[in-house]
Each structure stands twice: as structure tokens, then as C-alpha cells.
Amino acid sequence: MNSKNNGLKIDPGSDPTIYRSPWTPLNTGGRYLEGTDLHVHPEPDGLFLYYLCHWDLMGQKRLIEPISRNKAMIFLEKVVGDGNFGNMYFEEVALAKKHFPELFKE
């Protein structure tokens, strides 16, 4: 997909992931059928393009939704709850701290 501002390619497969939806529910051994991941695309001017990637395991849905930084932060707050970053990978928490430091104030 092209960023609407300058034609840059954004790619959920290579852009950094701030939050990846879980694929396997705890204690079930099954799989979630769909999810939404939060990605960030660094642009040459030093700005960042945040976007959601809505997916399903059947491969029938893969929708890219560019969002503002504020909406990205609201999404992250919603999916991780009250500071429960334990369900995120270490790399994702590091990126979240870099992009949304205000969520980690003590």
C-alpha cells in the first residue's frame, strides 16, 4: 500500500510492529481467527506513519488502515488494558515506549 502523502510503500511484513494480536488463546490450544496489529512506517523526513492491519487466518481479509498517532495510542491503551504490557513481545514494548512514552510514566 502507498502512503497517501508521498507514495512510500508500507508493508506489515517489514514495517516495525508495535502490537501484534495474539494468534493462540491462553489455555485452549486453538487459534484466534482474526486480529488487528499496530505498525509504524518510518518516513524519510523523520515522521512516522501509524497504521492498523486487520487480518484473518483464512486469508480473506487484510485491510490496511492509516491512523493518527493519537488513535494509535488509544488503540494500544485499549488492547493492553491498564498498563498490562506483559502480553506484548519485548521488541513491541520497546517500540511502544519509544513512540508513546506517556503511556509508561510512573
N, C-alpha and C. Protein backbone atom coordinates (compact mmCIF):
# COMPACT_ATOMS: atom_id res chain seq x y z
N MET A 1 0.84 -1.18 0.00
CA MET A 1 0.00 0.00 0.00
C MET A 1 0.88 1.24 0.00
N ASN A 2 0.41 2.27 -0.64
CA ASN A 2 1.17 3.51 -0.68
C ASN A 2 0.67 4.46 0.39
N SER A 3 1.60 5.11 1.05
CA SER A 3 1.24 6.17 1.97
C SER A 3 0.63 7.29 1.14
N LYS A 4 -0.45 7.88 1.61
CA LYS A 4 -1.16 8.88 0.81
C LYS A 4 -0.36 10.17 0.66
N ASN A 5 0.65 10.39 1.49
CA ASN A 5 1.37 11.65 1.44
C ASN A 5 2.45 11.68 0.36
N ASN A 6 3.22 10.59 0.21
CA ASN A 6 4.36 10.70 -0.68
C ASN A 6 4.65 9.43 -1.47
N GLY A 7 3.71 8.52 -1.56
CA GLY A 7 3.90 7.34 -2.39
C GLY A 7 4.82 6.28 -1.81
N LEU A 8 5.22 6.38 -0.54
CA LEU A 8 6.08 5.36 0.05
C LEU A 8 5.32 4.07 0.25
N LYS A 9 6.01 2.98 0.09
CA LYS A 9 5.39 1.68 0.33
C LYS A 9 5.36 1.39 1.82
N ILE A 10 4.20 0.99 2.31
CA ILE A 10 4.12 0.49 3.68
C ILE A 10 3.82 -1.00 3.57
N ASP A 11 4.42 -1.76 4.47
CA ASP A 11 4.31 -3.21 4.39
C ASP A 11 4.29 -3.81 5.78
N PRO A 12 3.15 -4.40 6.19
CA PRO A 12 3.09 -5.01 7.51
C PRO A 12 4.11 -6.13 7.71
N GLY A 13 4.61 -6.70 6.63
CA GLY A 13 5.60 -7.76 6.75
C GLY A 13 6.99 -7.26 7.08
N SER A 14 7.28 -5.99 6.79
CA SER A 14 8.62 -5.47 7.05
C SER A 14 8.63 -4.24 7.95
N ASP A 15 7.52 -3.52 8.06
CA ASP A 15 7.47 -2.37 8.96
C ASP A 15 7.45 -2.85 10.41
N PRO A 16 8.06 -2.07 11.32
CA PRO A 16 8.07 -2.47 12.73
C PRO A 16 6.65 -2.63 13.29
N THR A 17 6.48 -3.63 14.13
CA THR A 17 5.19 -3.91 14.77
C THR A 17 5.22 -3.43 16.21
N ILE A 18 4.29 -2.55 16.55
CA ILE A 18 4.18 -2.07 17.93
C ILE A 18 3.29 -3.02 18.73
N TYR A 19 2.27 -3.57 18.10
CA TYR A 19 1.41 -4.54 18.79
C TYR A 19 0.96 -5.60 17.78
N ARG A 20 1.18 -6.84 18.13
CA ARG A 20 0.74 -7.97 17.30
C ARG A 20 -0.36 -8.70 18.05
N SER A 21 -1.51 -8.84 17.40
CA SER A 21 -2.62 -9.59 18.02
C SER A 21 -2.19 -11.01 18.31
N PRO A 22 -2.64 -11.55 19.44
CA PRO A 22 -2.31 -12.95 19.72
C PRO A 22 -2.96 -13.89 18.70
N TRP A 23 -2.27 -14.98 18.42
CA TRP A 23 -2.80 -15.98 17.49
C TRP A 23 -3.39 -17.16 18.24
N THR A 24 -2.87 -17.41 19.41
CA THR A 24 -3.31 -18.58 20.17
C THR A 24 -3.86 -18.14 21.52
N PRO A 25 -5.15 -18.38 21.78
CA PRO A 25 -5.70 -18.03 23.10
C PRO A 25 -5.05 -18.85 24.20
N LEU A 26 -4.91 -18.26 25.36
CA LEU A 26 -4.32 -18.96 26.50
C LEU A 26 -5.16 -20.18 26.88
N ASN A 27 -4.48 -21.27 27.19
CA ASN A 27 -5.10 -22.49 27.73
C ASN A 27 -6.13 -23.16 26.83
N THR A 28 -6.09 -22.91 25.52
CA THR A 28 -7.07 -23.57 24.65
C THR A 28 -6.42 -24.44 23.59
N GLY A 29 -5.23 -24.07 23.17
CA GLY A 29 -4.59 -24.80 22.09
C GLY A 29 -5.18 -24.46 20.73
N GLY A 30 -6.23 -23.66 20.69
CA GLY A 30 -6.85 -23.25 19.43
C GLY A 30 -6.17 -22.03 18.86
N ARG A 31 -6.83 -21.40 17.93
CA ARG A 31 -6.30 -20.19 17.31
C ARG A 31 -7.40 -19.13 17.21
N TYR A 32 -6.97 -17.86 17.35
CA TYR A 32 -7.87 -16.77 17.03
C TYR A 32 -8.05 -16.76 15.52
N LEU A 33 -9.21 -16.41 15.07
CA LEU A 33 -9.47 -16.41 13.63
C LEU A 33 -9.17 -15.08 12.98
N GLU A 34 -9.11 -14.00 13.77
CA GLU A 34 -8.81 -12.70 13.20
C GLU A 34 -8.19 -11.80 14.26
N GLY A 35 -7.59 -10.73 13.80
CA GLY A 35 -6.96 -9.80 14.73
C GLY A 35 -6.59 -8.50 14.05
N THR A 36 -6.04 -7.60 14.85
CA THR A 36 -5.60 -6.30 14.35
C THR A 36 -4.24 -5.99 14.95
N ASP A 37 -3.27 -5.70 14.10
CA ASP A 37 -1.92 -5.37 14.51
C ASP A 37 -1.67 -3.89 14.29
N LEU A 38 -0.83 -3.29 15.15
CA LEU A 38 -0.44 -1.89 15.02
C LEU A 38 1.00 -1.83 14.51
N HIS A 39 1.19 -1.14 13.39
CA HIS A 39 2.51 -1.00 12.77
C HIS A 39 2.88 0.47 12.68
N VAL A 40 4.16 0.71 12.47
CA VAL A 40 4.66 2.06 12.25
C VAL A 40 5.59 2.02 11.05
N HIS A 41 5.43 3.00 10.17
CA HIS A 41 6.29 3.10 9.00
C HIS A 41 7.10 4.39 9.12
N PRO A 42 8.43 4.27 9.26
CA PRO A 42 9.26 5.48 9.33
C PRO A 42 9.39 6.10 7.94
N GLU A 43 9.18 7.41 7.88
CA GLU A 43 9.29 8.11 6.61
C GLU A 43 10.61 8.86 6.55
N PRO A 44 11.11 9.14 5.35
CA PRO A 44 12.42 9.77 5.20
C PRO A 44 12.55 11.12 5.91
N ASP A 45 11.45 11.83 6.09
CA ASP A 45 11.51 13.14 6.74
C ASP A 45 11.56 13.05 8.26
N GLY A 46 11.65 11.81 8.79
CA GLY A 46 11.73 11.62 10.22
C GLY A 46 10.39 11.44 10.91
N LEU A 47 9.30 11.62 10.17
CA LEU A 47 7.97 11.41 10.73
C LEU A 47 7.61 9.93 10.66
N PHE A 48 6.53 9.58 11.32
CA PHE A 48 6.09 8.18 11.34
C PHE A 48 4.65 8.08 10.89
N LEU A 49 4.36 7.07 10.10
CA LEU A 49 3.00 6.77 9.68
C LEU A 49 2.55 5.55 10.48
N TYR A 50 1.51 5.71 11.28
CA TYR A 50 0.96 4.61 12.07
C TYR A 50 -0.20 4.01 11.29
N TYR A 51 -0.32 2.69 11.35
CA TYR A 51 -1.45 2.06 10.67
C TYR A 51 -1.80 0.74 11.33
N LEU A 52 -3.06 0.38 11.16
CA LEU A 52 -3.56 -0.90 11.65
C LEU A 52 -3.64 -1.86 10.48
N CYS A 53 -3.34 -3.11 10.74
CA CYS A 53 -3.51 -4.16 9.74
C CYS A 53 -4.53 -5.15 10.33
N HIS A 54 -5.72 -5.17 9.75
CA HIS A 54 -6.77 -6.10 10.16
C HIS A 54 -6.59 -7.37 9.32
N TRP A 55 -6.54 -8.53 9.98
CA TRP A 55 -6.25 -9.78 9.26
C TRP A 55 -7.17 -10.89 9.75
N ASP A 56 -7.22 -11.96 8.95
CA ASP A 56 -7.85 -13.20 9.41
C ASP A 56 -7.00 -14.37 8.95
N LEU A 57 -7.12 -15.50 9.64
CA LEU A 57 -6.29 -16.65 9.33
C LEU A 57 -6.70 -17.36 8.05
N MET A 58 -7.88 -17.06 7.55
CA MET A 58 -8.33 -17.68 6.31
C MET A 58 -7.76 -16.95 5.09
N GLY A 59 -7.13 -15.81 5.32
CA GLY A 59 -6.54 -15.05 4.22
C GLY A 59 -7.55 -14.28 3.40
N GLN A 60 -8.76 -14.15 3.91
CA GLN A 60 -9.80 -13.45 3.16
C GLN A 60 -9.82 -11.95 3.46
N LYS A 61 -9.17 -11.57 4.56
CA LYS A 61 -9.19 -10.16 4.93
C LYS A 61 -7.78 -9.71 5.28
N ARG A 62 -7.37 -8.65 4.66
CA ARG A 62 -6.14 -7.96 5.04
C ARG A 62 -6.34 -6.50 4.66
N LEU A 63 -6.81 -5.75 5.64
CA LEU A 63 -7.15 -4.36 5.42
C LEU A 63 -6.15 -3.48 6.14
N ILE A 64 -5.58 -2.52 5.43
CA ILE A 64 -4.64 -1.56 6.00
C ILE A 64 -5.40 -0.27 6.27
N GLU A 65 -5.27 0.24 7.50
CA GLU A 65 -5.97 1.45 7.91
C GLU A 65 -4.98 2.45 8.51
N PRO A 66 -4.57 3.48 7.75
CA PRO A 66 -3.70 4.51 8.31
C PRO A 66 -4.45 5.26 9.42
N ILE A 67 -3.75 5.53 10.53
CA ILE A 67 -4.37 6.24 11.65
C ILE A 67 -3.39 7.28 12.20
N SER A 68 -3.92 8.22 12.96
CA SER A 68 -3.08 9.25 13.58
C SER A 68 -2.32 8.65 14.76
N ARG A 69 -1.33 9.38 15.22
CA ARG A 69 -0.57 8.94 16.40
C ARG A 69 -1.51 8.82 17.60
N ASN A 70 -2.40 9.78 17.75
CA ASN A 70 -3.33 9.75 18.88
C ASN A 70 -4.23 8.51 18.82
N LYS A 71 -4.75 8.20 17.64
CA LYS A 71 -5.59 7.00 17.51
C LYS A 71 -4.78 5.73 17.74
N ALA A 72 -3.51 5.74 17.35
CA ALA A 72 -2.65 4.59 17.60
C ALA A 72 -2.46 4.39 19.10
N MET A 73 -2.27 5.50 19.83
CA MET A 73 -2.09 5.40 21.27
C MET A 73 -3.38 4.91 21.94
N ILE A 74 -4.52 5.38 21.50
CA ILE A 74 -5.81 4.93 22.05
C ILE A 74 -6.01 3.45 21.77
N PHE A 75 -5.67 3.00 20.56
CA PHE A 75 -5.77 1.58 20.23
C PHE A 75 -4.88 0.75 21.17
N LEU A 76 -3.65 1.20 21.37
CA LEU A 76 -2.72 0.47 22.22
C LEU A 76 -3.23 0.42 23.66
N GLU A 77 -3.73 1.52 24.17
CA GLU A 77 -4.31 1.53 25.53
C GLU A 77 -5.46 0.54 25.63
N LYS A 78 -6.27 0.48 24.60
CA LYS A 78 -7.44 -0.41 24.61
C LYS A 78 -7.04 -1.88 24.62
N VAL A 79 -6.06 -2.25 23.81
CA VAL A 79 -5.72 -3.67 23.69
C VAL A 79 -4.84 -4.18 24.82
N VAL A 80 -4.07 -3.30 25.45
CA VAL A 80 -3.22 -3.78 26.54
C VAL A 80 -3.81 -3.53 27.92
N GLY A 81 -4.88 -2.77 28.00
CA GLY A 81 -5.51 -2.52 29.29
C GLY A 81 -4.70 -1.56 30.14
N ASP A 82 -4.87 -1.67 31.43
CA ASP A 82 -4.23 -0.74 32.38
C ASP A 82 -2.77 -1.09 32.60
N GLY A 83 -1.94 -0.73 31.64
CA GLY A 83 -0.50 -0.94 31.81
C GLY A 83 -0.09 -2.40 31.76
N ASN A 84 -0.93 -3.27 31.22
CA ASN A 84 -0.61 -4.70 31.15
C ASN A 84 0.15 -4.98 29.85
N PHE A 85 1.40 -4.58 29.82
CA PHE A 85 2.20 -4.77 28.62
C PHE A 85 2.85 -6.15 28.61
N GLY A 86 2.53 -6.98 29.59
CA GLY A 86 3.09 -8.32 29.67
C GLY A 86 2.66 -9.24 28.54
N ASN A 87 1.56 -8.90 27.85
CA ASN A 87 1.13 -9.75 26.75
C ASN A 87 1.74 -9.30 25.42
N MET A 88 2.73 -8.42 25.49
CA MET A 88 3.42 -7.97 24.28
C MET A 88 4.84 -8.54 24.28
N TYR A 89 5.38 -8.72 23.08
CA TYR A 89 6.77 -9.15 22.95
C TYR A 89 7.69 -8.00 23.39
N PHE A 90 8.90 -8.35 23.85
CA PHE A 90 9.86 -7.37 24.33
C PHE A 90 10.09 -6.26 23.30
N GLU A 91 10.26 -6.64 22.03
CA GLU A 91 10.52 -5.66 20.97
C GLU A 91 9.34 -4.71 20.80
N GLU A 92 8.13 -5.23 20.97
CA GLU A 92 6.94 -4.39 20.85
C GLU A 92 6.87 -3.39 21.99
N VAL A 93 7.17 -3.83 23.20
CA VAL A 93 7.16 -2.92 24.35
C VAL A 93 8.20 -1.82 24.15
N ALA A 94 9.38 -2.19 23.65
CA ALA A 94 10.44 -1.20 23.40
C ALA A 94 9.96 -0.17 22.38
N LEU A 95 9.30 -0.61 21.31
CA LEU A 95 8.78 0.33 20.31
C LEU A 95 7.66 1.18 20.90
N ALA A 96 6.79 0.58 21.70
CA ALA A 96 5.70 1.33 22.32
C ALA A 96 6.27 2.42 23.23
N LYS A 97 7.32 2.10 23.99
CA LYS A 97 7.95 3.10 24.86
C LYS A 97 8.57 4.23 24.05
N LYS A 98 9.13 3.90 22.90
CA LYS A 98 9.75 4.91 22.04
C LYS A 98 8.70 5.85 21.44
N HIS A 99 7.59 5.27 20.97
CA HIS A 99 6.58 6.07 20.27
C HIS A 99 5.52 6.68 21.19
N PHE A 100 5.29 6.05 22.33
CA PHE A 100 4.25 6.53 23.25
C PHE A 100 4.78 6.55 24.69
N PRO A 101 5.81 7.34 24.96
CA PRO A 101 6.41 7.33 26.30
C PRO A 101 5.43 7.73 27.40
N GLU A 102 4.42 8.51 27.05
CA GLU A 102 3.46 8.96 28.05
C GLU A 102 2.64 7.80 28.63
N LEU A 103 2.57 6.67 27.95
CA LEU A 103 1.87 5.51 28.47
C LEU A 103 2.67 4.81 29.57
N PHE A 104 3.94 5.14 29.69
CA PHE A 104 4.83 4.44 30.61
C PHE A 104 5.29 5.32 31.76
N LYS A 105 4.66 6.45 31.96
CA LYS A 105 5.04 7.32 33.08
C LYS A 105 4.69 6.65 34.38
N GLU A 106 5.58 6.77 35.33
CA GLU A 106 5.35 6.13 36.64
C GLU A 106 4.89 7.12 37.67
